[in-house]
Amino acid sequence: MTKPIAGAPNAEATLQRLGQRLFATTTEAAAVLRYDARTVRRAIAAGEIPAVRAGSTYRIPTAWLRAQILLGADEGQPTPAA
């Protein structure tokens, strides 16, 4: 899986919209990580992104998404996916 571009303006705006929610959809996670939603689902299946299955969909912990953004901002480098 390619490395996301952490700290992108779109990522921070999406995280703000998530507010205090504990989980994000794969589409929301894709916006934060700047991936295609299919790439996020493949990474979940490969165990590279933590997720919880809810029926036929997956939810990604927003704490994990925020940590990925913070890791990228601290290093000034793109962060690994997991």
Protein backbone atom coordinates (compact mmCIF):
# COMPACT_ATOMS: atom_id res chain seq x y z
CA MET A 1 0.00 0.00 0.00
CA THR A 2 1.29 3.46 -0.82
CA LYS A 3 1.93 5.99 1.91
CA PRO A 4 -0.78 8.59 2.61
CA ILE A 5 -0.17 12.31 2.55
CA ALA A 6 -0.71 13.14 6.21
CA GLY A 7 -1.65 16.60 7.37
CA ALA A 8 -3.34 17.52 4.10
CA PRO A 9 -5.97 20.29 4.48
CA ASN A 10 -8.74 17.94 3.37
CA ALA A 11 -7.68 15.44 6.05
CA GLU A 12 -7.96 17.95 8.86
CA ALA A 13 -11.31 19.26 7.62
CA THR A 14 -12.70 15.72 7.49
CA LEU A 15 -11.45 15.01 11.02
CA GLN A 16 -13.14 18.18 12.27
CA ARG A 17 -16.42 17.07 10.66
CA LEU A 18 -16.12 13.75 12.47
CA GLY A 19 -16.14 15.67 15.76
CA GLN A 20 -16.33 13.38 18.79
CA ARG A 21 -17.45 10.31 16.87
CA LEU A 22 -15.54 7.16 17.75
CA PHE A 23 -15.61 5.59 14.30
CA ALA A 24 -15.42 6.75 10.68
CA THR A 25 -16.75 5.09 7.55
CA THR A 26 -14.35 3.78 4.93
CA THR A 27 -15.25 6.76 2.74
CA GLU A 28 -14.42 9.22 5.53
CA ALA A 29 -11.18 7.39 6.31
CA ALA A 30 -10.26 7.47 2.63
CA ALA A 31 -10.71 11.26 2.61
CA VAL A 32 -8.50 11.64 5.68
CA LEU A 33 -5.79 9.35 4.32
CA ARG A 34 -6.18 10.61 0.74
CA TYR A 35 -6.80 7.11 -0.59
CA ASP A 36 -9.54 5.65 -2.69
CA ALA A 37 -12.21 3.92 -0.58
CA ARG A 38 -11.39 0.61 -2.29
CA THR A 39 -7.77 0.94 -1.18
CA VAL A 40 -8.93 1.47 2.40
CA ARG A 41 -11.11 -1.65 2.24
CA ARG A 42 -8.20 -3.69 0.83
CA ALA A 43 -5.91 -2.40 3.59
CA ILE A 44 -8.50 -3.40 6.19
CA ALA A 45 -8.71 -6.88 4.68
CA ALA A 46 -4.90 -7.11 4.76
CA GLY A 47 -4.82 -6.01 8.41
CA GLU A 48 -2.97 -2.76 7.65
CA ILE A 49 -5.78 -0.54 8.95
CA PRO A 50 -7.66 -1.42 12.15
CA ALA A 51 -11.41 -1.67 11.70
CA VAL A 52 -14.58 -3.03 13.23
CA ARG A 53 -17.14 -4.76 11.09
CA ALA A 54 -20.67 -3.37 11.42
CA GLY A 55 -23.00 -5.54 9.38
CA SER A 56 -21.63 -5.48 5.85
CA THR A 57 -19.56 -2.33 6.37
CA TYR A 58 -16.40 -1.45 8.25
CA ARG A 59 -15.73 1.37 10.70
CA ILE A 60 -12.26 2.75 11.40
CA PRO A 61 -11.45 4.20 14.85
CA THR A 62 -11.10 7.98 14.59
CA ALA A 63 -8.39 7.84 17.27
CA TRP A 64 -6.27 5.80 14.84
CA LEU A 65 -6.91 8.30 12.04
CA ARG A 66 -5.95 11.21 14.28
CA ALA A 67 -2.78 9.39 15.34
CA GLN A 68 -1.80 8.88 11.70
CA ILE A 69 -2.22 12.61 11.01
CA LEU A 70 -0.23 13.56 14.12
CA LEU A 71 2.56 11.14 13.25
CA GLY A 72 2.87 12.68 9.80
CA ALA A 73 2.80 16.24 11.14
CA ASP A 74 5.49 15.49 13.74
CA GLU A 75 7.88 13.95 11.25
CA GLY A 76 7.05 16.15 8.28
CA GLN A 77 6.97 12.96 6.25
CA PRO A 78 4.16 10.81 4.90
CA THR A 79 3.21 8.17 7.47
CA PRO A 80 3.03 4.43 7.02
CA ALA A 81 -0.51 3.09 6.85
CA ALA A 82 -0.17 0.88 9.88
